[in-house]
Structures are given as C-alpha cells and as structure tokens.
C-alpha cells in the first residue's frame, strides 16, 4: 500500500475547490451583468450609470484565480502521486513561492469579495427580491466569501508544509548519526 502525502492531497483538493468556486463566481457575475444590459450592477444608483470597474475587478480576479488554481491543482496532484511512491518528494517540492502567491491571492480575493458585498448591498438596499436574477447575484456573493475561506486554508496548509519541510531538511542535514560528535568511539569502524 502506498503512503499518501496528506498535505499535498488536501492542497490538491482545496485548489480544485477554489477552481470550481472561481468559475461559479465568474459565470454568475457575467450572467447577471448580461441580464443587466451589459452594465455592472454593483454600486448602482437610479440617477446615474454604474461604473464597470467593480464588476471587471471581480471577473478578472476570479478568472486569474481559476487559472492559477487549476495549474496548482495539477501540480499538487502530480506531486501527490509521485510522493506516494517516493516519500522524499513531498519535502523537496517548492513551498515558499506558492505561500507568497497564495498570501497575495487571499488579500486580492478578500478585497474582491468585500467590493462585491458592499456594491451588492448598495445596489439592493430596497426590494432586492424583485430584481431579476437576484439568486444568481447572491450565489456569486456567497461563492466569493467561500473562496476567501478556501484561500485562507491554502495559506495555512502551505505554512504548515513550510514548517515541516524546514524541520525535516534540518534533521537530514544536522542529525546524521555517523557524523555526530557524541557517537560512541568504540563503534566506529576503522578506515585505515
């Protein structure tokens, strides 16, 4: 039976969920925007046309997050398969770049979810149930906040992997029983 690297497997699953969530958010917002005659429905007030920037920010951020999550799901999935055969692979995979990118993604996705929620609240301050595609817009809001939670979990998993990999690599370098200065001198095999 092969050993499964649980952290790589959970990262693969989380990246897959982020991909699905980002696609749902992207299509929900694009569909709701198209039903609003192509205008952004966030921060909408009756006396003026809404700006396209809030919807564009959320749409492009979700699209970028979806592409990144798909690539990382494939990368971590492959790492999980290889690590089931060779146990050292999980410790030698890169962690720090993904931790930094995921930290930036948490901030960006949080800002997008916040912009969407505030803009949606301002647009729907009165009689939002009668608005066309209200449920689609609400699904996009909920999915945005679920994506924030998933990105936070990914940062946590990558942080744990970084700490465990550093501990494992320092153990491999510094705890070699043959090179220790406290090894019993009577057990050393003479080389001469």
N, C-alpha and C. Protein backbone atom coordinates (compact mmCIF):
# COMPACT_ATOMS: atom_id res chain seq x y z
N UNK A 1 0.85 -1.18 0.00
CA UNK A 1 0.00 0.00 0.00
C UNK A 1 0.89 1.23 0.00
N UNK A 2 0.61 2.14 -0.87
CA UNK A 2 1.40 3.36 -0.99
C UNK A 2 0.98 4.36 0.08
N UNK A 3 1.97 5.11 0.57
CA UNK A 3 1.68 6.17 1.53
C UNK A 3 1.20 7.40 0.79
N UNK A 4 0.14 8.00 1.29
CA UNK A 4 -0.41 9.22 0.69
C UNK A 4 0.10 10.41 1.48
N UNK A 5 0.63 11.40 0.80
CA UNK A 5 1.07 12.63 1.45
C UNK A 5 -0.18 13.49 1.67
N UNK A 6 -0.65 13.52 2.91
CA UNK A 6 -1.95 14.15 3.23
C UNK A 6 -1.97 15.65 2.93
N UNK A 7 -0.86 16.34 3.17
CA UNK A 7 -0.85 17.78 2.91
C UNK A 7 -0.93 18.08 1.42
N UNK A 8 -0.23 17.32 0.62
CA UNK A 8 -0.33 17.53 -0.83
C UNK A 8 -1.72 17.18 -1.35
N UNK A 9 -2.29 16.10 -0.82
CA UNK A 9 -3.63 15.71 -1.24
C UNK A 9 -4.66 16.76 -0.85
N UNK A 10 -4.57 17.27 0.38
CA UNK A 10 -5.53 18.29 0.80
C UNK A 10 -5.33 19.59 0.02
N UNK A 11 -4.09 19.94 -0.31
CA UNK A 11 -3.85 21.13 -1.13
C UNK A 11 -4.43 20.93 -2.53
N UNK A 12 -4.31 19.73 -3.08
CA UNK A 12 -4.89 19.43 -4.39
C UNK A 12 -6.40 19.60 -4.36
N UNK A 13 -7.03 19.07 -3.32
CA UNK A 13 -8.49 19.17 -3.20
C UNK A 13 -8.91 20.63 -3.04
N UNK A 14 -8.19 21.38 -2.19
CA UNK A 14 -8.53 22.79 -1.98
C UNK A 14 -8.35 23.62 -3.25
N UNK A 15 -7.26 23.37 -3.98
CA UNK A 15 -7.07 24.09 -5.24
C UNK A 15 -8.19 23.75 -6.23
N UNK A 16 -8.60 22.49 -6.25
CA UNK A 16 -9.73 22.11 -7.11
C UNK A 16 -11.01 22.82 -6.72
N UNK A 17 -11.26 22.92 -5.41
CA UNK A 17 -12.45 23.63 -4.94
C UNK A 17 -12.38 25.12 -5.26
N UNK A 18 -11.19 25.71 -5.13
CA UNK A 18 -11.02 27.13 -5.49
C UNK A 18 -11.28 27.32 -6.98
N UNK A 19 -10.81 26.40 -7.80
CA UNK A 19 -11.06 26.48 -9.24
C UNK A 19 -12.56 26.47 -9.53
N UNK A 20 -13.27 25.51 -8.94
CA UNK A 20 -14.72 25.40 -9.16
C UNK A 20 -15.44 26.65 -8.64
N UNK A 21 -15.06 27.10 -7.43
CA UNK A 21 -15.69 28.29 -6.86
C UNK A 21 -15.44 29.54 -7.69
N UNK A 22 -14.22 29.68 -8.20
CA UNK A 22 -13.91 30.85 -9.02
C UNK A 22 -14.69 30.83 -10.34
N UNK A 23 -14.84 29.65 -10.92
CA UNK A 23 -15.61 29.53 -12.16
C UNK A 23 -17.09 29.86 -11.90
N UNK A 24 -17.62 29.36 -10.77
CA UNK A 24 -19.02 29.66 -10.44
C UNK A 24 -19.21 31.16 -10.24
N UNK A 25 -18.28 31.77 -9.51
CA UNK A 25 -18.38 33.22 -9.27
C UNK A 25 -18.26 34.00 -10.59
N UNK A 26 -17.32 33.61 -11.40
CA UNK A 26 -17.10 34.28 -12.69
C UNK A 26 -18.34 34.22 -13.57
N UNK A 27 -18.90 33.03 -13.74
CA UNK A 27 -20.06 32.89 -14.60
C UNK A 27 -21.32 33.50 -14.00
N UNK A 28 -21.46 33.47 -12.68
CA UNK A 28 -22.62 34.09 -12.04
C UNK A 28 -22.61 35.60 -12.27
N UNK A 29 -21.46 36.22 -12.09
CA UNK A 29 -21.37 37.67 -12.28
C UNK A 29 -21.53 38.03 -13.75
N UNK A 30 -20.91 37.26 -14.63
CA UNK A 30 -21.04 37.54 -16.07
C UNK A 30 -22.49 37.39 -16.53
N UNK A 31 -23.18 36.37 -16.04
CA UNK A 31 -24.58 36.17 -16.41
C UNK A 31 -25.46 37.29 -15.87
N UNK A 32 -25.25 37.64 -14.60
CA UNK A 32 -26.05 38.72 -14.01
C UNK A 32 -25.77 40.06 -14.70
N UNK A 33 -24.52 40.27 -15.09
CA UNK A 33 -24.17 41.51 -15.79
C UNK A 33 -24.84 41.54 -17.17
N UNK A 34 -24.88 40.41 -17.85
CA UNK A 34 -25.52 40.38 -19.17
C UNK A 34 -27.03 40.59 -19.06
N UNK A 35 -27.63 40.14 -17.96
CA UNK A 35 -29.07 40.36 -17.78
C UNK A 35 -29.38 41.80 -17.36
N UNK A 36 -28.35 42.55 -17.02
CA UNK A 36 -28.49 43.96 -16.64
C UNK A 36 -28.08 44.86 -17.81
N UNK A 37 -28.28 44.37 -19.01
CA UNK A 37 -27.96 45.08 -20.26
C UNK A 37 -26.47 45.37 -20.41
N UNK A 38 -25.63 44.51 -19.87
CA UNK A 38 -24.19 44.67 -20.01
C UNK A 38 -23.55 45.64 -19.04
N UNK A 39 -24.36 46.29 -18.22
CA UNK A 39 -23.83 47.22 -17.22
C UNK A 39 -23.53 46.48 -15.93
N UNK A 40 -22.59 47.02 -15.19
CA UNK A 40 -22.28 46.45 -13.88
C UNK A 40 -23.40 46.85 -12.92
N UNK A 41 -23.89 45.90 -12.18
CA UNK A 41 -25.00 46.14 -11.26
C UNK A 41 -24.53 46.48 -9.85
N UNK A 42 -23.23 46.53 -9.62
CA UNK A 42 -22.71 46.87 -8.30
C UNK A 42 -22.65 48.38 -8.15
N UNK A 43 -22.94 48.87 -6.96
CA UNK A 43 -22.95 50.30 -6.64
C UNK A 43 -23.91 51.07 -7.56
N UNK A 44 -25.01 50.43 -7.93
CA UNK A 44 -25.97 51.04 -8.84
C UNK A 44 -26.90 51.98 -8.08
N UNK A 45 -27.03 53.19 -8.59
CA UNK A 45 -28.00 54.16 -8.09
C UNK A 45 -28.83 54.62 -9.27
N UNK A 46 -30.07 54.92 -9.02
CA UNK A 46 -31.01 55.20 -10.11
C UNK A 46 -30.68 56.46 -10.90
N UNK A 47 -29.96 57.39 -10.33
CA UNK A 47 -29.74 58.66 -11.01
C UNK A 47 -28.52 58.67 -11.94
N UNK A 48 -27.67 57.65 -11.88
CA UNK A 48 -26.50 57.65 -12.77
C UNK A 48 -26.14 56.23 -13.19
N UNK A 49 -25.40 56.14 -14.30
CA UNK A 49 -24.96 54.84 -14.80
C UNK A 49 -23.85 54.30 -13.92
N UNK A 50 -23.85 52.99 -13.67
CA UNK A 50 -22.82 52.41 -12.81
C UNK A 50 -21.48 52.30 -13.54
N UNK A 51 -20.42 52.27 -12.76
CA UNK A 51 -19.08 52.08 -13.31
C UNK A 51 -18.86 50.59 -13.59
N UNK A 52 -18.07 50.30 -14.60
CA UNK A 52 -17.77 48.91 -14.94
C UNK A 52 -16.62 48.35 -14.13
N UNK A 53 -15.92 49.19 -13.38
CA UNK A 53 -14.72 48.77 -12.67
C UNK A 53 -14.99 47.70 -11.61
N UNK A 54 -16.00 47.83 -10.74
CA UNK A 54 -16.19 46.79 -9.72
C UNK A 54 -16.44 45.40 -10.30
N UNK A 55 -17.31 45.32 -11.31
CA UNK A 55 -17.58 44.01 -11.91
C UNK A 55 -16.35 43.47 -12.63
N UNK A 56 -15.64 44.35 -13.32
CA UNK A 56 -14.44 43.91 -14.03
C UNK A 56 -13.37 43.42 -13.07
N UNK A 57 -13.21 44.10 -11.95
CA UNK A 57 -12.24 43.67 -10.94
C UNK A 57 -12.55 42.27 -10.46
N UNK A 58 -13.79 42.01 -10.13
CA UNK A 58 -14.18 40.70 -9.61
C UNK A 58 -14.08 39.64 -10.71
N UNK A 59 -14.51 39.96 -11.91
CA UNK A 59 -14.48 38.98 -13.01
C UNK A 59 -13.05 38.60 -13.36
N UNK A 60 -12.17 39.59 -13.55
CA UNK A 60 -10.79 39.27 -13.93
C UNK A 60 -10.02 38.61 -12.79
N UNK A 61 -10.29 39.00 -11.56
CA UNK A 61 -9.63 38.36 -10.42
C UNK A 61 -10.08 36.91 -10.29
N UNK A 62 -11.37 36.66 -10.49
CA UNK A 62 -11.87 35.28 -10.43
C UNK A 62 -11.30 34.44 -11.56
N UNK A 63 -11.19 35.02 -12.74
CA UNK A 63 -10.60 34.29 -13.86
C UNK A 63 -9.14 33.96 -13.63
N UNK A 64 -8.37 34.93 -13.12
CA UNK A 64 -6.97 34.67 -12.80
C UNK A 64 -6.81 33.64 -11.70
N UNK A 65 -7.65 33.74 -10.67
CA UNK A 65 -7.60 32.77 -9.57
C UNK A 65 -7.97 31.37 -10.06
N UNK A 66 -8.92 31.29 -10.98
CA UNK A 66 -9.32 29.99 -11.52
C UNK A 66 -8.18 29.34 -12.31
N UNK A 67 -7.51 30.13 -13.14
CA UNK A 67 -6.39 29.58 -13.92
C UNK A 67 -5.25 29.14 -13.01
N UNK A 68 -4.89 29.99 -12.04
CA UNK A 68 -3.82 29.65 -11.11
C UNK A 68 -4.18 28.40 -10.30
N UNK A 69 -5.43 28.33 -9.83
CA UNK A 69 -5.86 27.18 -9.03
C UNK A 69 -5.84 25.90 -9.85
N UNK A 70 -6.20 25.97 -11.12
CA UNK A 70 -6.16 24.78 -11.97
C UNK A 70 -4.73 24.28 -12.15
N UNK A 71 -3.82 25.20 -12.43
CA UNK A 71 -2.41 24.82 -12.61
C UNK A 71 -1.86 24.22 -11.31
N UNK A 72 -2.18 24.84 -10.18
CA UNK A 72 -1.66 24.35 -8.90
C UNK A 72 -2.32 23.03 -8.50
N UNK A 73 -3.58 22.82 -8.86
CA UNK A 73 -4.22 21.53 -8.57
C UNK A 73 -3.54 20.42 -9.35
N UNK A 74 -3.20 20.69 -10.60
CA UNK A 74 -2.48 19.69 -11.40
C UNK A 74 -1.09 19.45 -10.82
N UNK A 75 -0.37 20.51 -10.46
CA UNK A 75 0.97 20.40 -9.89
C UNK A 75 0.95 19.60 -8.59
N UNK A 76 0.04 19.95 -7.68
CA UNK A 76 -0.02 19.25 -6.40
C UNK A 76 -0.57 17.83 -6.56
N UNK A 77 -1.47 17.63 -7.52
CA UNK A 77 -1.96 16.28 -7.79
C UNK A 77 -0.85 15.37 -8.28
N UNK A 78 -0.04 15.90 -9.19
CA UNK A 78 1.12 15.14 -9.67
C UNK A 78 2.09 14.87 -8.52
N UNK A 79 2.32 15.88 -7.69
CA UNK A 79 3.20 15.69 -6.53
C UNK A 79 2.66 14.65 -5.57
N UNK A 80 1.35 14.59 -5.41
CA UNK A 80 0.75 13.58 -4.54
C UNK A 80 0.98 12.18 -5.08
N UNK A 81 0.83 12.03 -6.39
CA UNK A 81 1.04 10.72 -7.00
C UNK A 81 2.49 10.29 -6.88
N UNK A 82 3.41 11.20 -7.16
CA UNK A 82 4.84 10.87 -7.08
C UNK A 82 5.25 10.63 -5.63
N UNK A 83 4.73 11.43 -4.70
CA UNK A 83 5.08 11.28 -3.28
C UNK A 83 4.56 9.97 -2.71
N UNK A 84 3.54 9.38 -3.33
CA UNK A 84 3.07 8.08 -2.84
C UNK A 84 4.07 6.97 -3.16
N UNK A 85 4.92 7.20 -4.15
CA UNK A 85 5.95 6.22 -4.49
C UNK A 85 7.30 6.55 -3.85
N UNK A 86 7.62 7.82 -3.78
CA UNK A 86 8.90 8.27 -3.20
C UNK A 86 8.59 9.28 -2.11
N UNK A 87 8.84 8.91 -0.87
CA UNK A 87 8.39 9.72 0.27
C UNK A 87 9.11 11.06 0.38
N UNK A 88 10.31 11.20 -0.16
CA UNK A 88 11.06 12.45 0.00
C UNK A 88 10.55 13.56 -0.92
N UNK A 89 9.74 13.23 -1.92
CA UNK A 89 9.28 14.23 -2.89
C UNK A 89 8.45 15.32 -2.22
N UNK A 90 7.61 14.95 -1.27
CA UNK A 90 6.78 15.94 -0.58
C UNK A 90 7.60 16.99 0.14
N UNK A 91 8.78 16.59 0.62
CA UNK A 91 9.65 17.53 1.34
C UNK A 91 10.49 18.38 0.40
N UNK A 92 10.69 17.92 -0.83
CA UNK A 92 11.57 18.65 -1.74
C UNK A 92 10.81 19.56 -2.71
N UNK A 93 9.49 19.51 -2.70
CA UNK A 93 8.71 20.40 -3.58
C UNK A 93 8.78 21.83 -3.06
N UNK A 94 8.67 22.77 -3.96
CA UNK A 94 8.68 24.18 -3.58
C UNK A 94 7.48 24.51 -2.71
N UNK A 95 7.72 25.35 -1.71
CA UNK A 95 6.64 25.79 -0.84
C UNK A 95 6.58 27.31 -0.77
N UNK A 96 7.74 27.95 -0.59
CA UNK A 96 7.77 29.39 -0.34
C UNK A 96 7.13 30.23 -1.45
N UNK A 97 7.41 29.98 -2.75
CA UNK A 97 6.75 30.81 -3.77
C UNK A 97 5.23 30.68 -3.74
N UNK A 98 4.75 29.46 -3.52
CA UNK A 98 3.29 29.26 -3.50
C UNK A 98 2.68 29.89 -2.26
N UNK A 99 3.41 29.88 -1.17
CA UNK A 99 2.91 30.52 0.05
C UNK A 99 2.79 32.03 -0.15
N UNK A 100 3.77 32.63 -0.80
CA UNK A 100 3.71 34.07 -1.07
C UNK A 100 2.59 34.42 -2.05
N UNK A 101 2.47 33.65 -3.12
CA UNK A 101 1.42 33.91 -4.10
C UNK A 101 0.04 33.70 -3.47
N UNK A 102 -0.10 32.64 -2.67
CA UNK A 102 -1.39 32.39 -2.01
C UNK A 102 -1.73 33.49 -1.02
N UNK A 103 -0.72 34.04 -0.34
CA UNK A 103 -0.97 35.15 0.59
C UNK A 103 -1.48 36.38 -0.16
N UNK A 104 -0.88 36.66 -1.31
CA UNK A 104 -1.36 37.77 -2.13
C UNK A 104 -2.76 37.49 -2.67
N UNK A 105 -3.01 36.22 -3.02
CA UNK A 105 -4.33 35.85 -3.53
C UNK A 105 -5.40 36.01 -2.45
N UNK A 106 -5.07 35.69 -1.20
CA UNK A 106 -6.03 35.88 -0.10
C UNK A 106 -6.42 37.35 -0.01
N UNK A 107 -5.43 38.22 -0.08
CA UNK A 107 -5.71 39.66 0.02
C UNK A 107 -6.57 40.12 -1.16
N UNK A 108 -6.20 39.71 -2.38
CA UNK A 108 -6.95 40.12 -3.57
C UNK A 108 -8.38 39.58 -3.56
N UNK A 109 -8.54 38.31 -3.23
CA UNK A 109 -9.88 37.71 -3.23
C UNK A 109 -10.72 38.28 -2.10
N UNK A 110 -10.09 38.61 -0.97
CA UNK A 110 -10.82 39.27 0.12
C UNK A 110 -11.32 40.64 -0.32
N UNK A 111 -10.46 41.41 -0.99
CA UNK A 111 -10.87 42.73 -1.48
C UNK A 111 -12.01 42.59 -2.49
N UNK A 112 -11.91 41.61 -3.38
CA UNK A 112 -12.97 41.40 -4.37
C UNK A 112 -14.29 41.01 -3.71
N UNK A 113 -14.23 40.13 -2.71
CA UNK A 113 -15.46 39.73 -2.01
C UNK A 113 -16.05 40.91 -1.26
N UNK A 114 -15.19 41.74 -0.69
CA UNK A 114 -15.66 42.92 0.02
C UNK A 114 -16.31 43.93 -0.94
N UNK A 115 -15.65 44.17 -2.07
CA UNK A 115 -16.20 45.09 -3.08
C UNK A 115 -17.55 44.57 -3.57
N UNK A 116 -17.62 43.27 -3.82
CA UNK A 116 -18.87 42.70 -4.31
C UNK A 116 -19.98 42.82 -3.27
N UNK A 117 -19.68 42.48 -2.02
CA UNK A 117 -20.71 42.53 -0.98
C UNK A 117 -21.21 43.94 -0.73
N UNK A 118 -20.29 44.90 -0.64
CA UNK A 118 -20.69 46.29 -0.41
C UNK A 118 -21.46 46.83 -1.62
N UNK A 119 -20.95 46.56 -2.81
CA UNK A 119 -21.64 47.02 -4.02
C UNK A 119 -23.01 46.39 -4.18
N UNK A 120 -23.12 45.12 -3.85
CA UNK A 120 -24.40 44.43 -3.93
C UNK A 120 -25.37 44.98 -2.89
N UNK A 121 -24.87 45.27 -1.70
CA UNK A 121 -25.73 45.84 -0.64
C UNK A 121 -26.22 47.24 -1.03
N UNK A 122 -25.35 48.04 -1.61
CA UNK A 122 -25.75 49.39 -2.03
C UNK A 122 -26.77 49.31 -3.17
N UNK A 123 -26.55 48.39 -4.10
CA UNK A 123 -27.48 48.25 -5.23
C UNK A 123 -28.83 47.70 -4.78
N UNK A 124 -28.81 46.83 -3.80
CA UNK A 124 -30.03 46.13 -3.39
C UNK A 124 -30.51 46.60 -2.02
N UNK A 125 -30.42 47.87 -1.75
CA UNK A 125 -30.85 48.35 -0.44
C UNK A 125 -32.37 48.29 -0.28
N UNK A 126 -33.12 48.30 -1.38
CA UNK A 126 -34.58 48.24 -1.32
C UNK A 126 -35.11 47.25 -2.35
N UNK A 127 -36.02 46.41 -1.94
CA UNK A 127 -36.73 45.48 -2.83
C UNK A 127 -35.81 44.67 -3.73
N UNK A 128 -34.85 44.02 -3.14
CA UNK A 128 -33.90 43.26 -3.95
C UNK A 128 -34.50 41.93 -4.43
N UNK A 129 -35.53 41.45 -3.76
CA UNK A 129 -36.14 40.19 -4.18
C UNK A 129 -36.81 40.31 -5.55
N UNK A 130 -37.19 41.51 -5.92
CA UNK A 130 -37.87 41.72 -7.20
C UNK A 130 -36.89 41.94 -8.34
N UNK A 131 -35.61 42.03 -8.03
CA UNK A 131 -34.59 42.25 -9.06
C UNK A 131 -34.41 40.96 -9.85
N UNK A 132 -34.23 41.11 -11.15
CA UNK A 132 -34.01 39.95 -12.00
C UNK A 132 -32.69 39.29 -11.60
N UNK A 133 -32.69 37.99 -11.53
CA UNK A 133 -31.50 37.18 -11.21
C UNK A 133 -30.92 37.51 -9.83
N UNK A 134 -31.77 37.75 -8.87
CA UNK A 134 -31.29 38.02 -7.52
C UNK A 134 -30.52 36.83 -6.97
N UNK A 135 -31.03 35.62 -7.20
CA UNK A 135 -30.37 34.42 -6.66
C UNK A 135 -28.99 34.23 -7.28
N UNK A 136 -28.86 34.53 -8.55
CA UNK A 136 -27.55 34.41 -9.21
C UNK A 136 -26.55 35.38 -8.59
N UNK A 137 -27.00 36.58 -8.30
CA UNK A 137 -26.12 37.58 -7.69
C UNK A 137 -25.76 37.18 -6.26
N UNK A 138 -26.72 36.59 -5.56
CA UNK A 138 -26.46 36.13 -4.20
C UNK A 138 -25.50 34.95 -4.19
N UNK A 139 -25.63 34.04 -5.16
CA UNK A 139 -24.71 32.91 -5.29
C UNK A 139 -23.29 33.41 -5.51
N UNK A 140 -23.14 34.43 -6.34
CA UNK A 140 -21.81 35.00 -6.58
C UNK A 140 -21.21 35.57 -5.30
N UNK A 141 -22.04 36.21 -4.48
CA UNK A 141 -21.54 36.77 -3.22
C UNK A 141 -21.10 35.66 -2.26
N UNK A 142 -21.93 34.65 -2.09
CA UNK A 142 -21.60 33.55 -1.18
C UNK A 142 -20.36 32.81 -1.67
N UNK A 143 -20.27 32.56 -2.97
CA UNK A 143 -19.11 31.87 -3.53
C UNK A 143 -17.84 32.69 -3.34
N UNK A 144 -17.94 34.00 -3.44
CA UNK A 144 -16.77 34.85 -3.21
C UNK A 144 -16.23 34.70 -1.79
N UNK A 145 -17.13 34.67 -0.81
CA UNK A 145 -16.68 34.52 0.58
C UNK A 145 -16.19 33.11 0.88
N UNK A 146 -16.78 32.10 0.23
CA UNK A 146 -16.27 30.74 0.39
C UNK A 146 -14.86 30.65 -0.20
N UNK A 147 -14.63 31.32 -1.33
CA UNK A 147 -13.28 31.34 -1.91
C UNK A 147 -12.27 31.99 -0.98
N UNK A 148 -12.67 33.04 -0.27
CA UNK A 148 -11.76 33.65 0.71
C UNK A 148 -11.38 32.63 1.77
N UNK A 149 -12.36 31.88 2.27
CA UNK A 149 -12.09 30.85 3.28
C UNK A 149 -11.17 29.76 2.73
N UNK A 150 -11.41 29.33 1.50
CA UNK A 150 -10.56 28.29 0.89
C UNK A 150 -9.13 28.79 0.70
N UNK A 151 -8.96 30.04 0.27
CA UNK A 151 -7.61 30.59 0.11
C UNK A 151 -6.90 30.67 1.46
N UNK A 152 -7.64 31.04 2.52
CA UNK A 152 -7.03 31.08 3.86
C UNK A 152 -6.58 29.68 4.28
N UNK A 153 -7.38 28.66 3.98
CA UNK A 153 -6.98 27.28 4.28
C UNK A 153 -5.73 26.89 3.50
N UNK A 154 -5.65 27.32 2.24
CA UNK A 154 -4.45 27.02 1.44
C UNK A 154 -3.21 27.68 2.02
N UNK A 155 -3.33 28.92 2.48
CA UNK A 155 -2.19 29.59 3.11
C UNK A 155 -1.78 28.83 4.37
N UNK A 156 -2.75 28.39 5.15
CA UNK A 156 -2.45 27.62 6.36
C UNK A 156 -1.74 26.31 6.05
N UNK A 157 -2.22 25.59 5.05
CA UNK A 157 -1.60 24.32 4.68
C UNK A 157 -0.18 24.54 4.16
N UNK A 158 0.00 25.57 3.33
CA UNK A 158 1.35 25.85 2.82
C UNK A 158 2.28 26.29 3.95
N UNK A 159 1.77 27.03 4.92
CA UNK A 159 2.58 27.42 6.08
C UNK A 159 3.01 26.22 6.90
N UNK A 160 2.10 25.28 7.11
CA UNK A 160 2.43 24.05 7.84
C UNK A 160 3.44 23.24 7.05
N UNK A 161 3.25 23.14 5.73
CA UNK A 161 4.22 22.41 4.91
C UNK A 161 5.60 23.04 4.97
N UNK A 162 5.66 24.37 4.96
CA UNK A 162 6.94 25.06 5.05
C UNK A 162 7.63 24.73 6.36
N UNK A 163 6.90 24.80 7.47
CA UNK A 163 7.50 24.49 8.77
C UNK A 163 7.95 23.04 8.84
N UNK A 164 7.14 22.12 8.36
CA UNK A 164 7.52 20.70 8.40
C UNK A 164 8.69 20.40 7.47
N UNK A 165 8.72 21.03 6.30
CA UNK A 165 9.82 20.80 5.37
C UNK A 165 11.13 21.34 5.92
N UNK A 166 11.08 22.50 6.56
CA UNK A 166 12.31 23.05 7.17
C UNK A 166 12.80 22.15 8.28
N UNK A 167 11.88 21.68 9.11
CA UNK A 167 12.28 20.79 10.20
C UNK A 167 12.86 19.49 9.65
N UNK A 168 12.24 18.93 8.61
CA UNK A 168 12.73 17.68 8.03
C UNK A 168 14.08 17.88 7.35
N UNK A 169 14.26 18.99 6.64
CA UNK A 169 15.55 19.21 5.97
C UNK A 169 16.65 19.50 6.97
N UNK A 170 16.34 20.19 8.07
CA UNK A 170 17.38 20.43 9.07
C UNK A 170 17.72 19.13 9.79
N UNK A 171 16.76 18.26 9.96
CA UNK A 171 17.02 16.97 10.59
C UNK A 171 17.92 16.13 9.70
N UNK A 172 17.69 16.18 8.38
CA UNK A 172 18.52 15.42 7.45
C UNK A 172 19.94 15.94 7.43
N UNK A 173 20.13 17.25 7.56
CA UNK A 173 21.45 17.84 7.47
C UNK A 173 22.21 17.70 8.78
N UNK A 174 21.57 17.98 9.90
CA UNK A 174 22.28 18.09 11.16
C UNK A 174 22.21 16.86 12.05
N UNK A 175 21.33 15.93 11.80
CA UNK A 175 21.21 14.78 12.67
C UNK A 175 21.64 13.53 11.92
N UNK A 176 22.87 13.50 11.51
CA UNK A 176 23.44 12.32 10.88
C UNK A 176 24.16 11.53 11.98
N UNK A 177 23.70 10.34 12.31
CA UNK A 177 24.29 9.61 13.44
C UNK A 177 25.76 9.24 13.23
N UNK A 178 26.20 9.10 12.00
CA UNK A 178 27.59 8.75 11.76
C UNK A 178 28.52 9.94 11.91
N UNK A 179 28.02 11.15 11.73
CA UNK A 179 28.85 12.33 11.79
C UNK A 179 28.73 13.05 13.13
N UNK A 180 28.08 12.45 14.07
CA UNK A 180 27.85 13.10 15.35
C UNK A 180 29.12 13.11 16.18
N UNK A 181 29.28 14.16 17.00
CA UNK A 181 30.44 14.23 17.88
C UNK A 181 30.21 13.47 19.18
N UNK A 182 29.02 12.93 19.37
CA UNK A 182 28.76 12.17 20.59
C UNK A 182 28.61 10.68 20.31
N UNK A 183 28.95 10.25 19.10
CA UNK A 183 28.86 8.83 18.77
C UNK A 183 29.90 8.06 19.60
N UNK A 184 29.53 6.87 19.98
CA UNK A 184 30.43 6.03 20.77
C UNK A 184 31.64 5.67 19.92
N UNK A 185 32.81 6.06 20.38
CA UNK A 185 34.04 5.88 19.59
C UNK A 185 34.39 4.41 19.40
N UNK A 186 33.88 3.55 20.27
CA UNK A 186 34.15 2.12 20.13
C UNK A 186 33.37 1.49 19.00
N UNK A 187 32.34 2.13 18.53
CA UNK A 187 31.51 1.57 17.46
C UNK A 187 31.94 2.02 16.08
N UNK A 188 32.93 2.89 15.98
CA UNK A 188 33.37 3.39 14.68
C UNK A 188 34.26 2.35 14.03
N UNK A 189 33.96 2.07 12.77
CA UNK A 189 34.76 1.11 12.01
C UNK A 189 36.00 1.82 11.49
N UNK A 190 37.19 1.28 11.75
CA UNK A 190 38.41 1.92 11.27
C UNK A 190 38.48 1.91 9.74
N UNK A 191 38.98 2.99 9.19
CA UNK A 191 39.08 3.10 7.74
C UNK A 191 40.49 2.84 7.23
N UNK A 192 41.45 2.77 8.10
CA UNK A 192 42.82 2.60 7.65
C UNK A 192 43.25 1.16 7.64
